[in-house]
Amino acid sequence: MLVINPREVPVSVLHSYLLGAVAPRPIAFASTIDKKGMPNLAPFSFFNVFSSNPPTVIFSPARSGRTGKTKHTYDNILEVPEVVINMVNYAMVHQTSLAGTEYPKDVNEFVKAGFTPLESVMVKPFRVKESPVQLECRVKKVMELGSEGGSGNLIICEVVLMHINENVLNEAKQVDPDKIDLVARLGGNWYSRTNRNSLFEVTKPAANLGIGIDQIPEYIRNSNVLTGNNLGQLGNIEKLPAESEVTSFINSGAINEAFEIYGTNLNKLENHLHHLAKGLLENGKVEEAWKVLLSAGGKHQAMGNGQ
């Protein structure tokens, strides 16, 4: 394994490793304004939401790695401590990237990148009309992390008003991840996109008290077929199917073919059933996968008893 000591490599090298490893990162498309009323628009991927009460987001316009200079966004916030965080979707990602160019301070990125400014309600900086979600924020605190090139400047913001395009909402009035089609930053020139092909669901552990991987029978836990993810799915169930349920499942004939093909060859039977269960897990059918796996265990016991 490659070991990186931050004190022994150039900042540019460390920066590249960090951005490649800590990804994907949401993008804060930050709109600010200076005391003379000059707007600025720039994207930052050192960004996330950190609290719902009070609603708090933090982003970091780091100093230039080449010159050590602060960004116009940071300078503006020291003059006018307000910002609009505009979320970035796929339809605007190339324009957003263009706005990230290090233009001189007197250049308006709204104009240069072709975005439409909208007046905000509670803060002075403009919103980006093309953005699906716009967060009007007041800056609560600025924390400088250093004074050298690459040093971050944490901008801690309280969201005072949200604007959400209704076209990205589902029937329950919640943000639909497929409709909003957000993009995120990785390392180098790479981005990721949250379209339907890249989305998947993971049942939250808080929804139930899972039995845990340690409670999975050893012959399943040590499977050569099932992955750590598969075991995590199995361990998130509240309780195992009852013996009567497994027996009913076996008697239903759902896996008769497996028993007929592999007969008393327990290793091949178990391998086949584990592959079958893996397919069920990948389709979210956890309870059915458990019945298949426990059927293998029941067959072990039956054969061990000479039945």
C-alpha atoms as a PDB file:
ATOM      1  CA  MET A   1       0.000   0.000   0.000  1.00  0.00           C
ATOM      2  CA  LEU A   2       1.304   3.452  -0.926  1.00  0.00           C
ATOM      3  CA  VAL A   3       1.916   5.588   2.173  1.00  0.00           C
ATOM      4  CA  ILE A   4       1.842   9.394   1.854  1.00  0.00           C
ATOM      5  CA  ASN A   5       3.263  11.631   4.567  1.00  0.00           C
ATOM      6  CA  PRO A   6       1.780  15.121   3.977  1.00  0.00           C
ATOM      7  CA  ARG A   7       4.965  16.710   5.313  1.00  0.00           C
ATOM      8  CA  GLU A   8       7.170  14.925   2.784  1.00  0.00           C
ATOM      9  CA  VAL A   9       5.451  15.618  -0.563  1.00  0.00           C
ATOM     10  CA  PRO A  10       4.772  18.840  -2.480  1.00  0.00           C
ATOM     11  CA  VAL A  11       1.380  20.445  -1.844  1.00  0.00           C
ATOM     12  CA  SER A  12       0.418  19.914  -5.479  1.00  0.00           C
ATOM     13  CA  VAL A  13       1.018  16.171  -5.171  1.00  0.00           C
ATOM     14  CA  LEU A  14      -0.880  15.907  -1.885  1.00  0.00           C
ATOM     15  CA  HIS A  15      -3.718  17.980  -3.357  1.00  0.00           C
ATOM     16  CA  SER A  16      -4.027  15.557  -6.270  1.00  0.00           C
ATOM     17  CA  TYR A  17      -4.169  12.506  -3.999  1.00  0.00           C
ATOM     18  CA  LEU A  18      -6.719  14.113  -1.665  1.00  0.00           C
ATOM     19  CA  LEU A  19      -9.044  15.131  -4.487  1.00  0.00           C
ATOM     20  CA  GLY A  20      -8.775  11.737  -6.117  1.00  0.00           C
ATOM     21  CA  ALA A  21      -9.493   9.883  -2.882  1.00  0.00           C
ATOM     22  CA  VAL A  22     -12.127  12.093  -1.246  1.00  0.00           C
ATOM     23  CA  ALA A  23     -14.759  11.985  -3.967  1.00  0.00           C
ATOM     24  CA  PRO A  24     -17.290  12.625  -5.294  1.00  0.00           C
ATOM     25  CA  ARG A  25     -17.691  16.069  -3.751  1.00  0.00           C
ATOM     26  CA  PRO A  26     -20.770  18.286  -4.219  1.00  0.00           C
ATOM     27  CA  ILE A  27     -20.176  21.661  -5.823  1.00  0.00           C
ATOM     28  CA  ALA A  28     -20.914  24.997  -4.173  1.00  0.00           C
ATOM     29  CA  PHE A  29     -21.444  27.469  -6.996  1.00  0.00           C
ATOM     30  CA  ALA A  30     -20.909  30.533  -4.828  1.00  0.00           C
ATOM     31  CA  SER A  31     -22.301  33.941  -5.731  1.00  0.00           C
ATOM     32  CA  THR A  32     -20.846  36.855  -3.771  1.00  0.00           C
ATOM     33  CA  ILE A  33     -20.633  40.624  -4.080  1.00  0.00           C
ATOM     34  CA  ASP A  34     -18.053  43.183  -2.962  1.00  0.00           C
ATOM     35  CA  LYS A  35     -18.721  46.448  -1.135  1.00  0.00           C
ATOM     36  CA  LYS A  36     -18.859  48.311  -4.484  1.00  0.00           C
ATOM     37  CA  GLY A  37     -21.594  45.974  -5.787  1.00  0.00           C
ATOM     38  CA  MET A  38     -19.402  43.956  -8.183  1.00  0.00           C
ATOM     39  CA  PRO A  39     -20.669  40.348  -8.376  1.00  0.00           C
ATOM     40  CA  ASN A  40     -18.509  37.244  -8.466  1.00  0.00           C
ATOM     41  CA  LEU A  41     -19.424  33.661  -9.302  1.00  0.00           C
ATOM     42  CA  ALA A  42     -17.131  30.669  -8.703  1.00  0.00           C
ATOM     43  CA  PRO A  43     -17.414  26.900  -8.060  1.00  0.00           C
ATOM     44  CA  PHE A  44     -15.879  25.136  -5.036  1.00  0.00           C
ATOM     45  CA  SER A  45     -15.881  21.419  -4.319  1.00  0.00           C
ATOM     46  CA  PHE A  46     -14.663  21.696  -0.726  1.00  0.00           C
ATOM     47  CA  PHE A  47     -18.303  21.909   0.348  1.00  0.00           C
ATOM     48  CA  ASN A  48     -21.113  20.172   2.201  1.00  0.00           C
ATOM     49  CA  VAL A  49     -24.108  20.580   4.536  1.00  0.00           C
ATOM     50  CA  PHE A  50     -23.312  20.143   8.248  1.00  0.00           C
ATOM     51  CA  SER A  51     -26.485  20.943  10.168  1.00  0.00           C
ATOM     52  CA  SER A  52     -30.240  21.163   9.714  1.00  0.00           C
ATOM     53  CA  ASN A  53     -30.930  23.134  12.902  1.00  0.00           C
ATOM     54  CA  PRO A  54     -29.668  25.723  12.309  1.00  0.00           C
ATOM     55  CA  PRO A  55     -29.351  24.943   8.585  1.00  0.00           C
ATOM     56  CA  THR A  56     -25.609  25.237   8.001  1.00  0.00           C
ATOM     57  CA  VAL A  57     -23.371  24.717   4.990  1.00  0.00           C
ATOM     58  CA  ILE A  58     -19.608  25.131   4.837  1.00  0.00           C
ATOM     59  CA  PHE A  59     -17.375  25.650   1.826  1.00  0.00           C
ATOM     60  CA  SER A  60     -13.732  26.540   1.438  1.00  0.00           C
ATOM     61  CA  PRO A  61     -12.263  28.890  -1.185  1.00  0.00           C
ATOM     62  CA  ALA A  62      -8.659  27.816  -0.666  1.00  0.00           C
ATOM     63  CA  ARG A  63      -5.655  29.975  -1.426  1.00  0.00           C
ATOM     64  CA  SER A  64      -4.075  29.496  -4.829  1.00  0.00           C
ATOM     65  CA  GLY A  65      -1.569  26.645  -4.758  1.00  0.00           C
ATOM     66  CA  ARG A  66       0.646  28.551  -7.173  1.00  0.00           C
ATOM     67  CA  THR A  67       0.600  32.085  -5.770  1.00  0.00           C
ATOM     68  CA  GLY A  68      -0.865  31.743  -2.262  1.00  0.00           C
ATOM     69  CA  LYS A  69      -3.368  34.495  -3.067  1.00  0.00           C
ATOM     70  CA  THR A  70      -6.923  34.361  -1.739  1.00  0.00           C
ATOM     71  CA  LYS A  71      -9.891  33.951  -4.084  1.00  0.00           C
ATOM     72  CA  HIS A  72     -12.194  36.837  -4.981  1.00  0.00           C
ATOM     73  CA  THR A  73     -15.014  34.910  -3.310  1.00  0.00           C
ATOM     74  CA  TYR A  74     -13.139  34.960  -0.010  1.00  0.00           C
ATOM     75  CA  ASP A  75     -12.232  38.639  -0.338  1.00  0.00           C
ATOM     76  CA  ASN A  76     -15.856  39.548  -1.120  1.00  0.00           C
ATOM     77  CA  ILE A  77     -17.178  37.667   1.903  1.00  0.00           C
ATOM     78  CA  LEU A  78     -14.859  39.642   4.197  1.00  0.00           C
ATOM     79  CA  GLU A  79     -16.457  42.811   2.777  1.00  0.00           C
ATOM     80  CA  VAL A  80     -20.064  41.568   2.484  1.00  0.00           C
ATOM     81  CA  PRO A  81     -20.619  38.454   4.655  1.00  0.00           C
ATOM     82  CA  GLU A  82     -23.358  36.935   2.523  1.00  0.00           C
ATOM     83  CA  VAL A  83     -23.377  34.293  -0.220  1.00  0.00           C
ATOM     84  CA  VAL A  84     -25.748  32.326  -2.406  1.00  0.00           C
ATOM     85  CA  ILE A  85     -24.827  28.667  -2.853  1.00  0.00           C
ATOM     86  CA  ASN A  86     -26.219  27.491  -6.193  1.00  0.00           C
ATOM     87  CA  MET A  87     -26.332  23.736  -6.772  1.00  0.00           C
ATOM     88  CA  VAL A  88     -24.915  22.481 -10.069  1.00  0.00           C
ATOM     89  CA  ASN A  89     -26.647  19.977 -12.343  1.00  0.00           C
ATOM     90  CA  TYR A  90     -25.492  18.379 -15.567  1.00  0.00           C
ATOM     91  CA  ALA A  91     -27.234  20.949 -17.785  1.00  0.00           C
ATOM     92  CA  MET A  92     -24.962  23.724 -16.463  1.00  0.00           C
ATOM     93  CA  VAL A  93     -21.706  21.926 -15.642  1.00  0.00           C
ATOM     94  CA  HIS A  94     -19.614  23.269 -18.548  1.00  0.00           C
ATOM     95  CA  GLN A  95     -20.736  26.841 -17.906  1.00  0.00           C
ATOM     96  CA  THR A  96     -19.925  26.357 -14.227  1.00  0.00           C
ATOM     97  CA  SER A  97     -16.442  25.136 -15.093  1.00  0.00           C
ATOM     98  CA  LEU A  98     -15.940  28.204 -17.289  1.00  0.00           C
ATOM     99  CA  ALA A  99     -16.928  30.457 -14.379  1.00  0.00           C
ATOM    100  CA  GLY A 100     -14.110  28.835 -12.385  1.00  0.00           C
ATOM    101  CA  THR A 101     -11.517  30.481 -14.644  1.00  0.00           C
ATOM    102  CA  GLU A 102      -9.298  32.932 -12.742  1.00  0.00           C
ATOM    103  CA  TYR A 103     -10.652  36.065 -14.411  1.00  0.00           C
ATOM    104  CA  PRO A 104      -9.579  39.501 -13.122  1.00  0.00           C
ATOM    105  CA  LYS A 105     -11.704  40.945 -10.325  1.00  0.00           C
ATOM    106  CA  ASP A 106     -13.513  43.387 -12.614  1.00  0.00           C
ATOM    107  CA  VAL A 107     -14.872  40.551 -14.810  1.00  0.00           C
ATOM    108  CA  ASN A 108     -18.465  39.517 -14.150  1.00  0.00           C
ATOM    109  CA  GLU A 109     -18.639  35.690 -14.332  1.00  0.00           C
ATOM    110  CA  PHE A 110     -22.428  35.827 -14.782  1.00  0.00           C
ATOM    111  CA  VAL A 111     -21.769  37.512 -18.120  1.00  0.00           C
ATOM    112  CA  LYS A 112     -18.619  35.588 -19.013  1.00  0.00           C
ATOM    113  CA  ALA A 113     -20.211  32.163 -18.385  1.00  0.00           C
ATOM    114  CA  GLY A 114     -23.668  33.098 -19.707  1.00  0.00           C
ATOM    115  CA  PHE A 115     -25.691  32.734 -16.503  1.00  0.00           C
ATOM    116  CA  THR A 116     -28.798  34.704 -15.590  1.00  0.00           C
ATOM    117  CA  PRO A 117     -28.628  36.679 -12.316  1.00  0.00           C
ATOM    118  CA  LEU A 118     -31.731  36.764 -10.130  1.00  0.00           C
ATOM    119  CA  GLU A 119     -32.195  39.155  -7.225  1.00  0.00           C
ATOM    120  CA  SER A 120     -32.151  37.392  -3.888  1.00  0.00           C
ATOM    121  CA  VAL A 121     -34.765  38.015  -1.211  1.00  0.00           C
ATOM    122  CA  MET A 122     -32.754  38.136   2.020  1.00  0.00           C
ATOM    123  CA  VAL A 123     -29.144  38.667   0.913  1.00  0.00           C
ATOM    124  CA  LYS A 124     -27.333  40.971  -1.511  1.00  0.00           C
ATOM    125  CA  PRO A 125     -25.556  38.487  -3.872  1.00  0.00           C
ATOM    126  CA  PHE A 126     -27.496  37.321  -6.921  1.00  0.00           C
ATOM    127  CA  ARG A 127     -28.879  33.831  -7.436  1.00  0.00           C
ATOM    128  CA  VAL A 128     -28.215  31.784 -10.578  1.00  0.00           C
ATOM    129  CA  LYS A 129     -31.493  31.271 -12.419  1.00  0.00           C
ATOM    130  CA  GLU A 130     -30.248  28.119 -14.166  1.00  0.00           C
ATOM    131  CA  SER A 131     -29.461  26.367 -10.869  1.00  0.00           C
ATOM    132  CA  PRO A 132     -32.121  23.880  -9.646  1.00  0.00           C
ATOM    133  CA  VAL A 133     -31.582  24.810  -5.974  1.00  0.00           C
ATOM    134  CA  GLN A 134     -30.349  28.133  -4.608  1.00  0.00           C
ATOM    135  CA  LEU A 135     -29.434  28.685  -0.955  1.00  0.00           C
ATOM    136  CA  GLU A 136     -29.399  32.241   0.327  1.00  0.00           C
ATOM    137  CA  CYS A 137     -26.890  32.332   3.188  1.00  0.00           C
ATOM    138  CA  ARG A 138     -25.478  34.655   5.792  1.00  0.00           C
ATOM    139  CA  VAL A 139     -21.891  34.016   6.801  1.00  0.00           C
ATOM    140  CA  LYS A 140     -21.626  33.180  10.501  1.00  0.00           C
ATOM    141  CA  LYS A 141     -17.888  32.611  10.740  1.00  0.00           C
ATOM    142  CA  VAL A 142     -14.734  32.579   8.623  1.00  0.00           C
ATOM    143  CA  MET A 143     -11.920  30.269   9.703  1.00  0.00           C
ATOM    144  CA  GLU A 144      -8.497  30.544   8.071  1.00  0.00           C
ATOM    145  CA  LEU A 145      -6.630  27.225   8.088  1.00  0.00           C
ATOM    146  CA  GLY A 146      -3.280  28.637   7.017  1.00  0.00           C
ATOM    147  CA  SER A 147      -1.493  31.366   5.121  1.00  0.00           C
ATOM    148  CA  GLU A 148       0.416  29.328   2.512  1.00  0.00           C
ATOM    149  CA  GLY A 149      -0.616  28.158  -0.966  1.00  0.00           C
ATOM    150  CA  GLY A 150      -3.347  25.515  -0.806  1.00  0.00           C
ATOM    151  CA  SER A 151      -4.550  26.602   2.650  1.00  0.00           C
ATOM    152  CA  GLY A 152      -8.302  26.501   3.081  1.00  0.00           C
ATOM    153  CA  ASN A 153     -10.627  29.190   4.401  1.00  0.00           C
ATOM    154  CA  LEU A 154     -13.761  27.708   5.946  1.00  0.00           C
ATOM    155  CA  ILE A 155     -16.840  29.814   5.253  1.00  0.00           C
ATOM    156  CA  ILE A 156     -19.509  28.743   7.739  1.00  0.00           C
ATOM    157  CA  CYS A 157     -22.914  29.829   6.473  1.00  0.00           C
ATOM    158  CA  GLU A 158     -26.452  29.737   7.785  1.00  0.00           C
ATOM    159  CA  VAL A 159     -29.110  29.108   5.141  1.00  0.00           C
ATOM    160  CA  VAL A 160     -31.781  31.785   5.536  1.00  0.00           C
ATOM    161  CA  LEU A 161     -33.846  30.962   2.445  1.00  0.00           C
ATOM    162  CA  MET A 162     -34.034  28.109  -0.078  1.00  0.00           C
ATOM    163  CA  HIS A 163     -35.312  28.243  -3.647  1.00  0.00           C
ATOM    164  CA  ILE A 164     -36.110  24.894  -5.313  1.00  0.00           C
ATOM    165  CA  ASN A 165     -37.196  24.475  -8.923  1.00  0.00           C
ATOM    166  CA  GLU A 166     -40.414  22.449  -8.793  1.00  0.00           C
ATOM    167  CA  ASN A 167     -39.322  20.509 -11.872  1.00  0.00           C
ATOM    168  CA  VAL A 168     -36.848  18.557  -9.707  1.00  0.00           C
ATOM    169  CA  LEU A 169     -39.478  17.459  -7.167  1.00  0.00           C
ATOM    170  CA  ASN A 170     -41.339  14.150  -7.084  1.00  0.00           C
ATOM    171  CA  GLU A 171     -45.030  13.651  -6.275  1.00  0.00           C
ATOM    172  CA  ALA A 172     -44.253  13.828  -2.551  1.00  0.00           C
ATOM    173  CA  LYS A 173     -42.630  17.256  -3.076  1.00  0.00           C
ATOM    174  CA  GLN A 174     -39.205  15.831  -2.266  1.00  0.00           C
ATOM    175  CA  VAL A 175     -36.091  16.345  -4.378  1.00  0.00           C
ATOM    176  CA  ASP A 176     -35.921  13.546  -6.937  1.00  0.00           C
ATOM    177  CA  PRO A 177     -32.234  12.566  -7.415  1.00  0.00           C
ATOM    178  CA  ASP A 178     -32.870  11.583 -11.026  1.00  0.00           C
ATOM    179  CA  LYS A 179     -34.700  14.798 -11.920  1.00  0.00           C
ATOM    180  CA  ILE A 180     -32.214  17.123 -10.261  1.00  0.00           C
ATOM    181  CA  ASP A 181     -29.336  15.371 -12.085  1.00  0.00           C
ATOM    182  CA  LEU A 182     -26.593  16.834  -9.891  1.00  0.00           C
ATOM    183  CA  VAL A 183     -22.912  16.593 -10.719  1.00  0.00           C
ATOM    184  CA  ALA A 184     -19.955  16.242  -8.365  1.00  0.00           C
ATOM    185  CA  ARG A 185     -16.192  16.637  -8.559  1.00  0.00           C
ATOM    186  CA  LEU A 186     -13.552  13.942  -8.439  1.00  0.00           C
ATOM    187  CA  GLY A 187      -9.826  14.257  -9.034  1.00  0.00           C
ATOM    188  CA  GLY A 188      -8.264  15.802 -12.147  1.00  0.00           C
ATOM    189  CA  ASN A 189     -10.804  16.708 -14.823  1.00  0.00           C
ATOM    190  CA  TRP A 190     -13.299  14.076 -13.679  1.00  0.00           C
ATOM    191  CA  TYR A 191     -16.902  14.627 -12.604  1.00  0.00           C
ATOM    192  CA  SER A 192     -19.698  12.244 -11.673  1.00  0.00           C
ATOM    193  CA  ARG A 193     -23.397  12.496 -12.481  1.00  0.00           C
ATOM    194  CA  THR A 194     -26.348  11.347 -10.368  1.00  0.00           C
ATOM    195  CA  ASN A 195     -28.519   9.998 -13.158  1.00  0.00           C
ATOM    196  CA  ARG A 196     -30.692   6.894 -12.904  1.00  0.00           C
ATOM    197  CA  ASN A 197     -27.950   4.580 -14.169  1.00  0.00           C
ATOM    198  CA  SER A 198     -25.604   5.512 -11.320  1.00  0.00           C
ATOM    199  CA  LEU A 199     -28.137   5.526  -8.467  1.00  0.00           C
ATOM    200  CA  PHE A 200     -28.767   2.718  -6.024  1.00  0.00           C
ATOM    201  CA  GLU A 201     -30.489   2.427  -2.655  1.00  0.00           C
ATOM    202  CA  VAL A 202     -29.108   1.164   0.651  1.00  0.00           C
ATOM    203  CA  THR A 203     -31.568   0.547   3.472  1.00  0.00           C
ATOM    204  CA  LYS A 204     -30.660   2.782   6.410  1.00  0.00           C
ATOM    205  CA  PRO A 205     -29.606   0.814   9.533  1.00  0.00           C
ATOM    206  CA  ALA A 206     -31.633   3.223  11.686  1.00  0.00           C
ATOM    207  CA  ALA A 207     -34.810   1.779  10.176  1.00  0.00           C
ATOM    208  CA  ASN A 208     -34.351  -1.404  12.180  1.00  0.00           C
ATOM    209  CA  LEU A 209     -31.963  -3.142  14.563  1.00  0.00           C
ATOM    210  CA  GLY A 210     -29.992  -5.446  12.306  1.00  0.00           C
ATOM    211  CA  ILE A 211     -28.687  -8.760  13.643  1.00  0.00           C
ATOM    212  CA  GLY A 212     -25.168  -7.868  12.473  1.00  0.00           C
ATOM    213  CA  ILE A 213     -22.671  -9.861  10.430  1.00  0.00           C
ATOM    214  CA  ASP A 214     -21.407 -11.577  13.579  1.00  0.00           C
ATOM    215  CA  GLN A 215     -24.782 -13.335  13.946  1.00  0.00           C
ATOM    216  CA  ILE A 216     -24.757 -14.772  10.429  1.00  0.00           C
ATOM    217  CA  PRO A 217     -24.109 -18.547  10.453  1.00  0.00           C
ATOM    218  CA  GLU A 218     -20.447 -19.334   9.832  1.00  0.00           C
ATOM    219  CA  TYR A 219     -21.042 -21.307   6.623  1.00  0.00           C
ATOM    220  CA  ILE A 220     -22.655 -18.172   5.151  1.00  0.00           C
ATOM    221  CA  ARG A 221     -20.247 -15.658   6.695  1.00  0.00           C
ATOM    222  CA  ASN A 222     -17.236 -17.479   5.258  1.00  0.00           C
ATOM    223  CA  SER A 223     -18.761 -17.827   1.797  1.00  0.00           C
ATOM    224  CA  ASN A 224     -16.418 -17.630  -1.193  1.00  0.00           C
ATOM    225  CA  VAL A 225     -19.294 -16.193  -3.236  1.00  0.00           C
ATOM    226  CA  LEU A 226     -20.897 -13.525  -1.077  1.00  0.00           C
ATOM    227  CA  THR A 227     -19.173 -10.151  -0.795  1.00  0.00           C
ATOM    228  CA  GLY A 228     -18.849  -7.820   2.175  1.00  0.00           C
ATOM    229  CA  ASN A 229     -21.710  -5.790   0.735  1.00  0.00           C
ATOM    230  CA  ASN A 230     -23.850  -8.925   0.535  1.00  0.00           C
ATOM    231  CA  LEU A 231     -23.081  -9.772   4.161  1.00  0.00           C
ATOM    232  CA  GLY A 232     -23.939  -6.200   5.139  1.00  0.00           C
ATOM    233  CA  GLN A 233     -27.355  -6.640   3.521  1.00  0.00           C
ATOM    234  CA  LEU A 234     -27.906  -9.930   5.311  1.00  0.00           C
ATOM    235  CA  GLY A 235     -26.813  -8.456   8.640  1.00  0.00           C
ATOM    236  CA  ASN A 236     -29.297  -5.584   8.358  1.00  0.00           C
ATOM    237  CA  ILE A 237     -32.325  -7.864   8.806  1.00  0.00           C
ATOM    238  CA  GLU A 238     -34.079  -7.683  12.199  1.00  0.00           C
ATOM    239  CA  LYS A 239     -34.533 -11.422  12.584  1.00  0.00           C
ATOM    240  CA  LEU A 240     -33.947 -14.569  10.578  1.00  0.00           C
ATOM    241  CA  PRO A 241     -36.847 -16.255   8.784  1.00  0.00           C
ATOM    242  CA  ALA A 242     -38.459 -18.834  11.067  1.00  0.00           C
ATOM    243  CA  GLU A 243     -37.587 -22.508  10.509  1.00  0.00           C
ATOM    244  CA  SER A 244     -41.168 -23.109   9.385  1.00  0.00           C
ATOM    245  CA  GLU A 245     -40.787 -20.387   6.736  1.00  0.00           C
ATOM    246  CA  VAL A 246     -37.594 -21.980   5.423  1.00  0.00           C
ATOM    247  CA  THR A 247     -39.243 -25.400   5.368  1.00  0.00           C
ATOM    248  CA  SER A 248     -42.217 -24.001   3.466  1.00  0.00           C
ATOM    249  CA  PHE A 249     -39.831 -22.367   1.034  1.00  0.00           C
ATOM    250  CA  ILE A 250     -38.014 -25.678   0.430  1.00  0.00           C
ATOM    251  CA  ASN A 251     -41.304 -27.554   0.068  1.00  0.00           C
ATOM    252  CA  SER A 252     -42.572 -24.975  -2.430  1.00  0.00           C
ATOM    253  CA  GLY A 253     -40.149 -26.421  -4.958  1.00  0.00           C
ATOM    254  CA  ALA A 254     -38.409 -23.079  -5.542  1.00  0.00           C
ATOM    255  CA  ILE A 255     -34.980 -24.698  -5.383  1.00  0.00           C
ATOM    256  CA  ASN A 256     -35.842 -28.329  -6.170  1.00  0.00           C
ATOM    257  CA  GLU A 257     -33.791 -28.159  -9.338  1.00  0.00           C
ATOM    258  CA  ALA A 258     -30.655 -27.338  -7.359  1.00  0.00           C
ATOM    259  CA  PHE A 259     -31.137 -30.308  -5.067  1.00  0.00           C
ATOM    260  CA  GLU A 260     -31.859 -32.597  -8.035  1.00  0.00           C
ATOM    261  CA  ILE A 261     -28.757 -31.495  -9.960  1.00  0.00           C
ATOM    262  CA  TYR A 262     -26.248 -31.520  -7.121  1.00  0.00           C
ATOM    263  CA  GLY A 263     -27.783 -34.244  -4.957  1.00  0.00           C
ATOM    264  CA  THR A 264     -25.502 -35.084  -2.062  1.00  0.00           C
ATOM    265  CA  ASN A 265     -22.576 -32.986  -3.285  1.00  0.00           C
ATOM    266  CA  LEU A 266     -22.843 -30.404  -0.508  1.00  0.00           C
ATOM    267  CA  ASN A 267     -20.020 -28.168  -1.716  1.00  0.00           C
ATOM    268  CA  LYS A 268     -21.474 -27.719  -5.200  1.00  0.00           C
ATOM    269  CA  LEU A 269     -24.989 -27.345  -3.815  1.00  0.00           C
ATOM    270  CA  GLU A 270     -23.898 -24.679  -1.362  1.00  0.00           C
ATOM    271  CA  ASN A 271     -21.911 -22.822  -4.027  1.00  0.00           C
ATOM    272  CA  HIS A 272     -24.919 -22.829  -6.355  1.00  0.00           C
ATOM    273  CA  LEU A 273     -27.293 -21.602  -3.656  1.00  0.00           C
ATOM    274  CA  HIS A 274     -24.877 -18.854  -2.624  1.00  0.00           C
ATOM    275  CA  HIS A 275     -24.754 -17.620  -6.228  1.00  0.00           C
ATOM    276  CA  LEU A 276     -28.545 -17.709  -6.325  1.00  0.00           C
ATOM    277  CA  ALA A 277     -28.747 -15.748  -3.069  1.00  0.00           C
ATOM    278  CA  LYS A 278     -26.207 -13.231  -4.342  1.00  0.00           C
ATOM    279  CA  GLY A 279     -28.408 -12.510  -7.345  1.00  0.00           C
ATOM    280  CA  LEU A 280     -31.423 -12.023  -5.076  1.00  0.00           C
ATOM    281  CA  LEU A 281     -29.477  -9.632  -2.852  1.00  0.00           C
ATOM    282  CA  GLU A 282     -28.390  -7.567  -5.834  1.00  0.00           C
ATOM    283  CA  ASN A 283     -32.088  -7.150  -6.630  1.00  0.00           C
ATOM    284  CA  GLY A 284     -32.949  -6.165  -3.064  1.00  0.00           C
ATOM    285  CA  LYS A 285     -34.697  -9.426  -2.181  1.00  0.00           C
ATOM    286  CA  VAL A 286     -33.019  -9.921   1.192  1.00  0.00           C
ATOM    287  CA  GLU A 287     -35.600 -12.129   2.895  1.00  0.00           C
ATOM    288  CA  GLU A 288     -35.789 -14.494  -0.072  1.00  0.00           C
ATOM    289  CA  ALA A 289     -31.975 -14.645  -0.178  1.00  0.00           C
ATOM    290  CA  TRP A 290     -31.965 -15.615   3.489  1.00  0.00           C
ATOM    291  CA  LYS A 291     -34.390 -18.481   2.805  1.00  0.00           C
ATOM    292  CA  VAL A 292     -32.160 -19.763   0.011  1.00  0.00           C
ATOM    293  CA  LEU A 293     -29.074 -19.624   2.222  1.00  0.00           C
ATOM    294  CA  LEU A 294     -30.793 -21.253   5.170  1.00  0.00           C
ATOM    295  CA  SER A 295     -32.068 -23.950   2.832  1.00  0.00           C
ATOM    296  CA  ALA A 296     -28.458 -24.880   2.214  1.00  0.00           C
ATOM    297  CA  GLY A 297     -27.926 -25.072   5.954  1.00  0.00           C
ATOM    298  CA  GLY A 298     -31.001 -27.223   6.381  1.00  0.00           C
ATOM    299  CA  LYS A 299     -29.768 -29.570   3.694  1.00  0.00           C
ATOM    300  CA  HIS A 300     -26.419 -29.809   5.515  1.00  0.00           C
ATOM    301  CA  GLN A 301     -28.194 -30.794   8.725  1.00  0.00           C
ATOM    302  CA  ALA A 302     -30.528 -33.248   6.992  1.00  0.00           C
ATOM    303  CA  MET A 303     -27.677 -35.028   5.245  1.00  0.00           C
ATOM    304  CA  GLY A 304     -25.608 -35.014   8.420  1.00  0.00           C
ATOM    305  CA  ASN A 305     -28.449 -36.848  10.136  1.00  0.00           C
ATOM    306  CA  GLY A 306     -28.613 -39.428   7.351  1.00  0.00           C
ATOM    307  CA  GLN A 307     -31.979 -38.207   6.064  1.00  0.00           C
END
